[in-house]
Each structure stands twice: as structure tokens, then as C-alpha cells.
């Protein structure tokens, strides 16, 4: 199922898996700091840092059961790699942040 930025809370695909519960919680608890890093890199036009952070979140989000968040991070990374217009990158970061704000353990 594909979610839009307007959909409600996003939960990990691993909800109810006792082996994943702790690490999913840790990922979710660290997400606000990661978002701050992404927003800071965007504000500073630090494209390499922004690309690196998006790349890291692309893999981590998918690995912790948040594929839609991973896909949004992949679009940020791709936009930077392909040299997209600043407004495109800002829009993609905005979509990523809107999704991330709805993530819950």
C-alpha cells in the first residue's frame, strides 16, 4: 500500500515482532535528530551531506520496516545525484519530512 504525506500514522512492518521491537523503537527515537541534520544540510546547501544522510536513511528506513520512508529518502538522494532544481529537492525533502513526522514505533 502506498501512503501519501496526508495519511495518518506510519508504523513499521515489524509491529508485533519481538525481535525487532527494540531496534525499531531506537530508529524512531533517533529520527528527529536525523531530520534536523537533513534540514540543516538543506539550509546550508550542503548537497554532499544531504545526499549522504538521505542515502543512510533510505537503507535504514527500509531495514526497520518503513519502506515508504525509504522511498522518499531515495528520491531526495536521486534528486541531488541528478542535479535537480533546488525547488525539486526542497519539495522532496518536504515530502520526506512530512512522512517522517508521522512515523511511530
PDB file of N, CA and C in Angstrom:
ATOM      1  N   UNK A   1       0.840  -1.175   0.000  1.00  0.00           N
ATOM      2  CA  UNK A   1       0.000   0.000   0.000  1.00  0.00           C
ATOM      3  C   UNK A   1       0.884   1.237   0.000  1.00  0.00           C
ATOM      4  N   UNK A   2       0.560   2.176  -0.806  1.00  0.00           N
ATOM      5  CA  UNK A   2       1.331   3.404  -0.911  1.00  0.00           C
ATOM      6  C   UNK A   2       0.651   4.509  -0.109  1.00  0.00           C
ATOM      7  N   UNK A   3       1.421   5.219   0.695  1.00  0.00           N
ATOM      8  CA  UNK A   3       0.883   6.297   1.524  1.00  0.00           C
ATOM      9  C   UNK A   3       1.263   7.640   0.950  1.00  0.00           C
ATOM     10  N   UNK A   4       0.397   8.598   1.128  1.00  0.00           N
ATOM     11  CA  UNK A   4       0.712   9.971   0.745  1.00  0.00           C
ATOM     12  C   UNK A   4       1.101  10.734   2.011  1.00  0.00           C
ATOM     13  N   UNK A   5       1.668  11.925   1.860  1.00  0.00           N
ATOM     14  CA  UNK A   5       2.041  12.702   3.042  1.00  0.00           C
ATOM     15  C   UNK A   5       0.852  13.087   3.921  1.00  0.00           C
ATOM     16  N   UNK A   6      -0.378  12.959   3.423  1.00  0.00           N
ATOM     17  CA  UNK A   6      -1.558  13.327   4.195  1.00  0.00           C
ATOM     18  C   UNK A   6      -2.146  12.167   4.986  1.00  0.00           C
ATOM     19  N   UNK A   7      -1.630  10.974   4.831  1.00  0.00           N
ATOM     20  CA  UNK A   7      -2.155   9.811   5.526  1.00  0.00           C
ATOM     21  C   UNK A   7      -1.771   9.854   7.005  1.00  0.00           C
ATOM     22  N   UNK A   8      -2.462   9.044   7.822  1.00  0.00           N
ATOM     23  CA  UNK A   8      -2.191   9.047   9.266  1.00  0.00           C
ATOM     24  C   UNK A   8      -0.868   8.385   9.636  1.00  0.00           C
ATOM     25  N   UNK A   9      -0.745   8.051  10.874  1.00  0.00           N
ATOM     26  CA  UNK A   9       0.469   7.476  11.455  1.00  0.00           C
ATOM     27  C   UNK A   9       1.028   6.331  10.601  1.00  0.00           C
ATOM     28  N   UNK A  10       2.353   6.312  10.521  1.00  0.00           N
ATOM     29  CA  UNK A  10       3.053   5.247   9.798  1.00  0.00           C
ATOM     30  C   UNK A  10       3.742   4.366  10.829  1.00  0.00           C
ATOM     31  N   UNK A  11       3.474   3.092  10.767  1.00  0.00           N
ATOM     32  CA  UNK A  11       4.088   2.121  11.681  1.00  0.00           C
ATOM     33  C   UNK A  11       4.957   1.156  10.900  1.00  0.00           C
ATOM     34  N   UNK A  12       5.928   0.605  11.570  1.00  0.00           N
ATOM     35  CA  UNK A  12       6.845  -0.358  10.976  1.00  0.00           C
ATOM     36  C   UNK A  12       6.102  -1.620  10.548  1.00  0.00           C
ATOM     37  N   UNK A  13       6.576  -2.213   9.486  1.00  0.00           N
ATOM     38  CA  UNK A  13       6.046  -3.505   9.051  1.00  0.00           C
ATOM     39  C   UNK A  13       6.366  -4.587  10.079  1.00  0.00           C
ATOM     40  N   UNK A  14       7.246  -4.288  11.014  1.00  0.00           N
ATOM     41  CA  UNK A  14       7.659  -5.255  12.026  1.00  0.00           C
ATOM     42  C   UNK A  14       6.883  -5.124  13.341  1.00  0.00           C
ATOM     43  N   UNK A  15       5.788  -4.361  13.343  1.00  0.00           N
ATOM     44  CA  UNK A  15       4.968  -4.242  14.552  1.00  0.00           C
ATOM     45  C   UNK A  15       4.573  -5.649  14.998  1.00  0.00           C
ATOM     46  N   UNK A  16       4.759  -5.912  16.275  1.00  0.00           N
ATOM     47  CA  UNK A  16       4.416  -7.214  16.822  1.00  0.00           C
ATOM     48  C   UNK A  16       5.536  -8.234  16.774  1.00  0.00           C
ATOM     49  N   UNK A  17       6.657  -7.879  16.156  1.00  0.00           N
ATOM     50  CA  UNK A  17       7.806  -8.784  16.093  1.00  0.00           C
ATOM     51  C   UNK A  17       8.713  -8.465  17.280  1.00  0.00           C
ATOM     52  N   UNK A  18       8.734  -9.333  18.297  1.00  0.00           N
ATOM     53  CA  UNK A  18       9.517  -9.032  19.499  1.00  0.00           C
ATOM     54  C   UNK A  18      11.015  -8.893  19.244  1.00  0.00           C
ATOM     55  N   UNK A  19      11.523  -9.524  18.211  1.00  0.00           N
ATOM     56  CA  UNK A  19      12.954  -9.416  17.908  1.00  0.00           C
ATOM     57  C   UNK A  19      13.313  -8.061  17.307  1.00  0.00           C
ATOM     58  N   UNK A  20      12.355  -7.402  16.689  1.00  0.00           N
ATOM     59  CA  UNK A  20      12.616  -6.116  16.035  1.00  0.00           C
ATOM     60  C   UNK A  20      12.162  -4.920  16.872  1.00  0.00           C
ATOM     61  N   UNK A  21      11.339  -5.162  17.865  1.00  0.00           N
ATOM     62  CA  UNK A  21      10.718  -4.084  18.626  1.00  0.00           C
ATOM     63  C   UNK A  21      11.720  -3.053  19.148  1.00  0.00           C
ATOM     64  N   UNK A  22      12.782  -3.513  19.787  1.00  0.00           N
ATOM     65  CA  UNK A  22      13.755  -2.602  20.385  1.00  0.00           C
ATOM     66  C   UNK A  22      14.497  -1.760  19.369  1.00  0.00           C
ATOM     67  N   UNK A  23      14.927  -2.373  18.285  1.00  0.00           N
ATOM     68  CA  UNK A  23      15.691  -1.605  17.302  1.00  0.00           C
ATOM     69  C   UNK A  23      14.793  -0.674  16.486  1.00  0.00           C
ATOM     70  N   UNK A  24      13.536  -1.072  16.279  1.00  0.00           N
ATOM     71  CA  UNK A  24      12.597  -0.167  15.607  1.00  0.00           C
ATOM     72  C   UNK A  24      12.360   1.047  16.497  1.00  0.00           C
ATOM     73  N   UNK A  25      12.179   0.814  17.798  1.00  0.00           N
ATOM     74  CA  UNK A  25      11.986   1.913  18.736  1.00  0.00           C
ATOM     75  C   UNK A  25      13.197   2.853  18.705  1.00  0.00           C
ATOM     76  N   UNK A  26      14.390   2.298  18.701  1.00  0.00           N
ATOM     77  CA  UNK A  26      15.606   3.106  18.660  1.00  0.00           C
ATOM     78  C   UNK A  26      15.659   3.943  17.380  1.00  0.00           C
ATOM     79  N   UNK A  27      15.364   3.326  16.234  1.00  0.00           N
ATOM     80  CA  UNK A  27      15.347   4.059  14.963  1.00  0.00           C
ATOM     81  C   UNK A  27      14.368   5.230  15.027  1.00  0.00           C
ATOM     82  N   UNK A  28      13.164   4.965  15.517  1.00  0.00           N
ATOM     83  CA  UNK A  28      12.134   6.009  15.588  1.00  0.00           C
ATOM     84  C   UNK A  28      12.559   7.111  16.558  1.00  0.00           C
ATOM     85  N   UNK A  29      13.165   6.745  17.676  1.00  0.00           N
ATOM     86  CA  UNK A  29      13.579   7.755  18.659  1.00  0.00           C
ATOM     87  C   UNK A  29      14.714   8.637  18.134  1.00  0.00           C
ATOM     88  N   UNK A  30      15.523   8.121  17.229  1.00  0.00           N
ATOM     89  CA  UNK A  30      16.625   8.895  16.655  1.00  0.00           C
ATOM     90  C   UNK A  30      16.215   9.682  15.412  1.00  0.00           C
ATOM     91  N   UNK A  31      15.029   9.412  14.897  1.00  0.00           N
ATOM     92  CA  UNK A  31      14.593  10.050  13.660  1.00  0.00           C
ATOM     93  C   UNK A  31      14.532  11.577  13.744  1.00  0.00           C
ATOM     94  N   UNK A  32      14.055  12.177  14.837  1.00  0.00           N
ATOM     95  CA  UNK A  32      14.047  13.651  14.887  1.00  0.00           C
ATOM     96  C   UNK A  32      15.443  14.269  14.713  1.00  0.00           C
ATOM     97  N   UNK A  33      16.466  13.650  15.281  1.00  0.00           N
ATOM     98  CA  UNK A  33      17.831  14.163  15.106  1.00  0.00           C
ATOM     99  C   UNK A  33      18.272  14.048  13.657  1.00  0.00           C
ATOM    100  N   UNK A  34      17.900  12.956  13.033  1.00  0.00           N
ATOM    101  CA  UNK A  34      18.253  12.768  11.620  1.00  0.00           C
ATOM    102  C   UNK A  34      17.547  13.807  10.752  1.00  0.00           C
ATOM    103  N   UNK A  35      16.302  14.106  11.085  1.00  0.00           N
ATOM    104  CA  UNK A  35      15.561  15.132  10.339  1.00  0.00           C
ATOM    105  C   UNK A  35      16.216  16.494  10.494  1.00  0.00           C
ATOM    106  N   UNK A  36      16.657  16.794  11.694  1.00  0.00           N
ATOM    107  CA  UNK A  36      17.360  18.061  11.914  1.00  0.00           C
ATOM    108  C   UNK A  36      18.603  18.144  11.037  1.00  0.00           C
ATOM    109  N   UNK A  37      19.330  17.038  10.940  1.00  0.00           N
ATOM    110  CA  UNK A  37      20.520  17.003  10.090  1.00  0.00           C
ATOM    111  C   UNK A  37      20.179  17.237   8.629  1.00  0.00           C
ATOM    112  N   UNK A  38      19.121  16.636   8.168  1.00  0.00           N
ATOM    113  CA  UNK A  38      18.697  16.814   6.774  1.00  0.00           C
ATOM    114  C   UNK A  38      18.287  18.259   6.524  1.00  0.00           C
ATOM    115  N   UNK A  39      17.490  18.814   7.420  1.00  0.00           N
ATOM    116  CA  UNK A  39      17.050  20.194   7.244  1.00  0.00           C
ATOM    117  C   UNK A  39      18.217  21.179   7.344  1.00  0.00           C
ATOM    118  N   UNK A  40      19.161  20.885   8.216  1.00  0.00           N
ATOM    119  CA  UNK A  40      20.348  21.728   8.355  1.00  0.00           C
ATOM    120  C   UNK A  40      21.199  21.680   7.085  1.00  0.00           C
ATOM    121  N   UNK A  41      21.381  20.482   6.543  1.00  0.00           N
ATOM    122  CA  UNK A  41      22.168  20.343   5.313  1.00  0.00           C
ATOM    123  C   UNK A  41      21.491  21.066   4.147  1.00  0.00           C
ATOM    124  N   UNK A  42      20.169  20.966   4.075  1.00  0.00           N
ATOM    125  CA  UNK A  42      19.435  21.668   3.018  1.00  0.00           C
ATOM    126  C   UNK A  42      19.594  23.169   3.173  1.00  0.00           C
ATOM    127  N   UNK A  43      19.420  23.672   4.393  1.00  0.00           N
ATOM    128  CA  UNK A  43      19.534  25.113   4.637  1.00  0.00           C
ATOM    129  C   UNK A  43      20.928  25.634   4.296  1.00  0.00           C
ATOM    130  N   UNK A  44      21.948  24.797   4.507  1.00  0.00           N
ATOM    131  CA  UNK A  44      23.334  25.199   4.225  1.00  0.00           C
ATOM    132  C   UNK A  44      23.746  24.900   2.782  1.00  0.00           C
ATOM    133  N   UNK A  45      22.825  24.351   2.005  1.00  0.00           N
ATOM    134  CA  UNK A  45      23.127  23.925   0.630  1.00  0.00           C
ATOM    135  C   UNK A  45      24.318  22.972   0.601  1.00  0.00           C
ATOM    136  N   UNK A  46      24.411  22.139   1.626  1.00  0.00           N
ATOM    137  CA  UNK A  46      25.473  21.137   1.716  1.00  0.00           C
ATOM    138  C   UNK A  46      24.962  19.859   1.053  1.00  0.00           C
ATOM    139  N   UNK A  47      25.083  19.833  -0.271  1.00  0.00           N
ATOM    140  CA  UNK A  47      24.471  18.767  -1.066  1.00  0.00           C
ATOM    141  C   UNK A  47      25.085  17.402  -0.785  1.00  0.00           C
ATOM    142  N   UNK A  48      26.375  17.354  -0.563  1.00  0.00           N
ATOM    143  CA  UNK A  48      27.007  16.059  -0.286  1.00  0.00           C
ATOM    144  C   UNK A  48      26.534  15.495   1.046  1.00  0.00           C
ATOM    145  N   UNK A  49      26.461  16.338   2.038  1.00  0.00           N
ATOM    146  CA  UNK A  49      25.957  15.879   3.342  1.00  0.00           C
ATOM    147  C   UNK A  49      24.497  15.460   3.245  1.00  0.00           C
ATOM    148  N   UNK A  50      23.695  16.249   2.551  1.00  0.00           N
ATOM    149  CA  UNK A  50      22.279  15.922   2.380  1.00  0.00           C
ATOM    150  C   UNK A  50      22.123  14.600   1.629  1.00  0.00           C
ATOM    151  N   UNK A  51      22.914  14.407   0.600  1.00  0.00           N
ATOM    152  CA  UNK A  51      22.854  13.159  -0.166  1.00  0.00           C
ATOM    153  C   UNK A  51      23.248  11.970   0.704  1.00  0.00           C
ATOM    154  N   UNK A  52      24.300  12.148   1.505  1.00  0.00           N
ATOM    155  CA  UNK A  52      24.753  11.076   2.390  1.00  0.00           C
ATOM    156  C   UNK A  52      23.693  10.727   3.432  1.00  0.00           C
ATOM    157  N   UNK A  53      23.105  11.744   4.045  1.00  0.00           N
ATOM    158  CA  UNK A  53      22.068  11.498   5.054  1.00  0.00           C
ATOM    159  C   UNK A  53      20.851  10.814   4.437  1.00  0.00           C
ATOM    160  N   UNK A  54      20.450  11.261   3.258  1.00  0.00           N
ATOM    161  CA  UNK A  54      19.313  10.642   2.580  1.00  0.00           C
ATOM    162  C   UNK A  54      19.629   9.193   2.225  1.00  0.00           C
ATOM    163  N   UNK A  55      20.850   8.958   1.766  1.00  0.00           N
ATOM    164  CA  UNK A  55      21.260   7.590   1.422  1.00  0.00           C
ATOM    165  C   UNK A  55      21.202   6.688   2.659  1.00  0.00           C
ATOM    166  N   UNK A  56      21.715   7.170   3.766  1.00  0.00           N
ATOM    167  CA  UNK A  56      21.698   6.384   5.008  1.00  0.00           C
ATOM    168  C   UNK A  56      20.269   6.075   5.442  1.00  0.00           C
ATOM    169  N   UNK A  57      19.405   7.068   5.363  1.00  0.00           N
ATOM    170  CA  UNK A  57      18.017   6.866   5.771  1.00  0.00           C
ATOM    171  C   UNK A  57      17.257   5.978   4.803  1.00  0.00           C
ATOM    172  N   UNK A  58      17.627   6.021   3.549  1.00  0.00           N
ATOM    173  CA  UNK A  58      16.994   5.142   2.564  1.00  0.00           C
ATOM    174  C   UNK A  58      17.156   3.694   2.988  1.00  0.00           C
ATOM    175  N   UNK A  59      18.358   3.309   3.326  1.00  0.00           N
ATOM    176  CA  UNK A  59      18.613   1.932   3.735  1.00  0.00           C
ATOM    177  C   UNK A  59      18.060   1.610   5.103  1.00  0.00           C
ATOM    178  N   UNK A  60      18.257   2.515   6.043  1.00  0.00           N
ATOM    179  CA  UNK A  60      17.808   2.260   7.416  1.00  0.00           C
ATOM    180  C   UNK A  60      16.293   2.168   7.494  1.00  0.00           C
ATOM    181  N   UNK A  61      15.601   3.084   6.861  1.00  0.00           N
ATOM    182  CA  UNK A  61      14.136   3.086   6.941  1.00  0.00           C
ATOM    183  C   UNK A  61      13.556   1.788   6.388  1.00  0.00           C
ATOM    184  N   UNK A  62      14.059   1.357   5.268  1.00  0.00           N
ATOM    185  CA  UNK A  62      13.586   0.091   4.706  1.00  0.00           C
ATOM    186  C   UNK A  62      13.902  -1.085   5.608  1.00  0.00           C
ATOM    187  N   UNK A  63      15.087  -1.076   6.187  1.00  0.00           N
ATOM    188  CA  UNK A  63      15.523  -2.162   7.044  1.00  0.00           C
ATOM    189  C   UNK A  63      14.734  -2.270   8.339  1.00  0.00           C
ATOM    190  N   UNK A  64      14.152  -1.157   8.778  1.00  0.00           N
ATOM    191  CA  UNK A  64      13.374  -1.156  10.009  1.00  0.00           C
ATOM    192  C   UNK A  64      11.868  -1.221   9.742  1.00  0.00           C
ATOM    193  N   UNK A  65      11.514  -1.488   8.495  1.00  0.00           N
ATOM    194  CA  UNK A  65      10.108  -1.703   8.178  1.00  0.00           C
ATOM    195  C   UNK A  65       9.318  -0.480   7.776  1.00  0.00           C
ATOM    196  N   UNK A  66      10.006   0.548   7.293  1.00  0.00           N
ATOM    197  CA  UNK A  66       9.342   1.757   6.829  1.00  0.00           C
ATOM    198  C   UNK A  66       9.690   2.001   5.353  1.00  0.00           C
ATOM    199  N   UNK A  67       9.230   1.158   4.448  1.00  0.00           N
ATOM    200  CA  UNK A  67       9.641   1.272   3.047  1.00  0.00           C
ATOM    201  C   UNK A  67       9.224   2.588   2.385  1.00  0.00           C
ATOM    202  N   UNK A  68       8.069   3.147   2.753  1.00  0.00           N
ATOM    203  CA  UNK A  68       7.639   4.394   2.135  1.00  0.00           C
ATOM    204  C   UNK A  68       8.563   5.540   2.531  1.00  0.00           C
ATOM    205  N   UNK A  69       9.093   5.488   3.741  1.00  0.00           N
ATOM    206  CA  UNK A  69      10.058   6.496   4.171  1.00  0.00           C
ATOM    207  C   UNK A  69      11.375   6.309   3.425  1.00  0.00           C
ATOM    208  N   UNK A  70      11.776   5.062   3.248  1.00  0.00           N
ATOM    209  CA  UNK A  70      12.979   4.762   2.475  1.00  0.00           C
ATOM    210  C   UNK A  70      12.860   5.239   1.039  1.00  0.00           C
ATOM    211  N   UNK A  71      11.687   5.060   0.456  1.00  0.00           N
ATOM    212  CA  UNK A  71      11.464   5.523  -0.923  1.00  0.00           C
ATOM    213  C   UNK A  71      11.548   7.038  -1.023  1.00  0.00           C
ATOM    214  N   UNK A  72      11.001   7.733  -0.025  1.00  0.00           N
ATOM    215  CA  UNK A  72      11.070   9.197  -0.026  1.00  0.00           C
ATOM    216  C   UNK A  72      12.512   9.679   0.114  1.00  0.00           C
ATOM    217  N   UNK A  73      13.289   9.006   0.956  1.00  0.00           N
ATOM    218  CA  UNK A  73      14.705   9.354   1.100  1.00  0.00           C
ATOM    219  C   UNK A  73      15.461   9.080  -0.193  1.00  0.00           C
ATOM    220  N   UNK A  74      15.104   7.998  -0.879  1.00  0.00           N
ATOM    221  CA  UNK A  74      15.747   7.666  -2.158  1.00  0.00           C
ATOM    222  C   UNK A  74      15.494   8.756  -3.188  1.00  0.00           C
ATOM    223  N   UNK A  75      14.306   9.346  -3.176  1.00  0.00           N
ATOM    224  CA  UNK A  75      14.007  10.430  -4.120  1.00  0.00           C
ATOM    225  C   UNK A  75      14.846  11.675  -3.828  1.00  0.00           C
ATOM    226  N   UNK A  76      15.096  11.936  -2.554  1.00  0.00           N
ATOM    227  CA  UNK A  76      15.972  13.059  -2.197  1.00  0.00           C
ATOM    228  C   UNK A  76      17.378  12.787  -2.730  1.00  0.00           C
ATOM    229  N   UNK A  77      17.880  11.601  -2.438  1.00  0.00           N
ATOM    230  CA  UNK A  77      19.224  11.238  -2.896  1.00  0.00           C
ATOM    231  C   UNK A  77      19.321  11.314  -4.418  1.00  0.00           C
ATOM    232  N   UNK A  78      18.341  10.762  -5.090  1.00  0.00           N
ATOM    233  CA  UNK A  78      18.338  10.754  -6.558  1.00  0.00           C
ATOM    234  C   UNK A  78      18.315  12.178  -7.112  1.00  0.00           C
ATOM    235  N   UNK A  79      17.499  13.037  -6.505  1.00  0.00           N
ATOM    236  CA  UNK A  79      17.420  14.421  -6.971  1.00  0.00           C
ATOM    237  C   UNK A  79      18.749  15.142  -6.885  1.00  0.00           C
ATOM    238  N   UNK A  80      19.472  14.903  -5.816  1.00  0.00           N
ATOM    239  CA  UNK A  80      20.785  15.531  -5.657  1.00  0.00           C
ATOM    240  C   UNK A  80      21.771  14.951  -6.655  1.00  0.00           C
ATOM    241  N   UNK A  81      21.773  13.634  -6.755  1.00  0.00           N
ATOM    242  CA  UNK A  81      22.705  12.962  -7.672  1.00  0.00           C
ATOM    243  C   UNK A  81      22.485  13.411  -9.117  1.00  0.00           C
ATOM    244  N   UNK A  82      21.220  13.628  -9.480  1.00  0.00           N
ATOM    245  CA  UNK A  82      20.899  14.020 -10.858  1.00  0.00           C
ATOM    246  C   UNK A  82      20.942  15.527 -11.074  1.00  0.00           C
ATOM    247  N   UNK A  83      21.239  16.295 -10.022  1.00  0.00           N
ATOM    248  CA  UNK A  83      21.344  17.744 -10.157  1.00  0.00           C
ATOM    249  C   UNK A  83      20.015  18.435 -10.397  1.00  0.00           C
ATOM    250  N   UNK A  84      18.965  17.938  -9.762  1.00  0.00           N
ATOM    251  CA  UNK A  84      17.640  18.545  -9.916  1.00  0.00           C
ATOM    252  C   UNK A  84      17.632  19.984  -9.396  1.00  0.00           C
ATOM    253  N   UNK A  85      16.666  20.718  -9.863  1.00  0.00           N
ATOM    254  CA  UNK A  85      16.441  22.081  -9.436  1.00  0.00           C
ATOM    255  C   UNK A  85      16.244  22.143  -7.920  1.00  0.00           C
ATOM    256  N   UNK A  86      16.666  23.223  -7.309  1.00  0.00           N
ATOM    257  CA  UNK A  86      16.558  23.396  -5.868  1.00  0.00           C
ATOM    258  C   UNK A  86      15.123  23.199  -5.375  1.00  0.00           C
ATOM    259  N   UNK A  87      14.151  23.707  -6.126  1.00  0.00           N
ATOM    260  CA  UNK A  87      12.756  23.564  -5.710  1.00  0.00           C
ATOM    261  C   UNK A  87      12.316  22.106  -5.696  1.00  0.00           C
ATOM    262  N   UNK A  88      12.828  21.305  -6.608  1.00  0.00           N
ATOM    263  CA  UNK A  88      12.509  19.876  -6.631  1.00  0.00           C
ATOM    264  C   UNK A  88      13.080  19.205  -5.389  1.00  0.00           C
ATOM    265  N   UNK A  89      14.320  19.530  -5.082  1.00  0.00           N
ATOM    266  CA  UNK A  89      14.957  18.932  -3.901  1.00  0.00           C
ATOM    267  C   UNK A  89      14.241  19.372  -2.637  1.00  0.00           C
ATOM    268  N   UNK A  90      13.893  20.650  -2.530  1.00  0.00           N
ATOM    269  CA  UNK A  90      13.156  21.133  -1.362  1.00  0.00           C
ATOM    270  C   UNK A  90      11.822  20.409  -1.223  1.00  0.00           C
ATOM    271  N   UNK A  91      11.141  20.215  -2.331  1.00  0.00           N
ATOM    272  CA  UNK A  91       9.861  19.515  -2.308  1.00  0.00           C
ATOM    273  C   UNK A  91      10.029  18.069  -1.840  1.00  0.00           C
ATOM    274  N   UNK A  92      11.065  17.420  -2.341  1.00  0.00           N
ATOM    275  CA  UNK A  92      11.316  16.029  -1.943  1.00  0.00           C
ATOM    276  C   UNK A  92      11.697  15.931  -0.472  1.00  0.00           C
ATOM    277  N   UNK A  93      12.497  16.866   0.002  1.00  0.00           N
ATOM    278  CA  UNK A  93      12.843  16.887   1.425  1.00  0.00           C
ATOM    279  C   UNK A  93      11.581  17.141   2.249  1.00  0.00           C
ATOM    280  N   UNK A  94      10.734  18.046   1.786  1.00  0.00           N
ATOM    281  CA  UNK A  94       9.485  18.327   2.487  1.00  0.00           C
ATOM    282  C   UNK A  94       8.590  17.102   2.586  1.00  0.00           C
ATOM    283  N   UNK A  95       8.487  16.354   1.495  1.00  0.00           N
ATOM    284  CA  UNK A  95       7.691  15.128   1.498  1.00  0.00           C
ATOM    285  C   UNK A  95       8.291  14.121   2.466  1.00  0.00           C
ATOM    286  N   UNK A  96       9.605  13.965   2.416  1.00  0.00           N
ATOM    287  CA  UNK A  96      10.278  13.047   3.336  1.00  0.00           C
ATOM    288  C   UNK A  96      10.006  13.443   4.784  1.00  0.00           C
ATOM    289  N   UNK A  97      10.165  14.715   5.106  1.00  0.00           N
ATOM    290  CA  UNK A  97       9.972  15.183   6.481  1.00  0.00           C
ATOM    291  C   UNK A  97       8.523  15.015   6.930  1.00  0.00           C
ATOM    292  N   UNK A  98       7.566  15.246   6.024  1.00  0.00           N
ATOM    293  CA  UNK A  98       6.159  15.056   6.372  1.00  0.00           C
ATOM    294  C   UNK A  98       5.873  13.592   6.695  1.00  0.00           C
ATOM    295  N   UNK A  99       6.443  12.691   5.925  1.00  0.00           N
ATOM    296  CA  UNK A  99       6.286  11.269   6.206  1.00  0.00           C
ATOM    297  C   UNK A  99       6.962  10.900   7.528  1.00  0.00           C
ATOM    298  N   UNK A 100       8.170  11.379   7.713  1.00  0.00           N
ATOM    299  CA  UNK A 100       8.935  11.048   8.914  1.00  0.00           C
ATOM    300  C   UNK A 100       8.235  11.542  10.182  1.00  0.00           C
ATOM    301  N   UNK A 101       7.556  12.660  10.086  1.00  0.00           N
ATOM    302  CA  UNK A 101       6.858  13.208  11.246  1.00  0.00           C
ATOM    303  C   UNK A 101       5.710  12.305  11.698  1.00  0.00           C
ATOM    304  N   UNK A 102       5.251  11.425  10.827  1.00  0.00           N
ATOM    305  CA  UNK A 102       4.136  10.531  11.156  1.00  0.00           C
ATOM    306  C   UNK A 102       4.594   9.134  11.579  1.00  0.00           C
ATOM    307  N   UNK A 103       5.886   8.903  11.559  1.00  0.00           N
ATOM    308  CA  UNK A 103       6.423   7.588  11.928  1.00  0.00           C
ATOM    309  C   UNK A 103       6.320   7.390  13.428  1.00  0.00           C
ATOM    310  N   UNK A 104       5.843   6.209  13.803  1.00  0.00           N
ATOM    311  CA  UNK A 104       5.748   5.831  15.207  1.00  0.00           C
ATOM    312  C   UNK A 104       6.258   4.408  15.366  1.00  0.00           C
ATOM    313  N   UNK A 105       6.795   4.115  16.534  1.00  0.00           N
ATOM    314  CA  UNK A 105       7.313   2.763  16.816  1.00  0.00           C
ATOM    315  C   UNK A 105       6.169   1.775  16.986  1.00  0.00           C
TER     316      UNK A 105
END
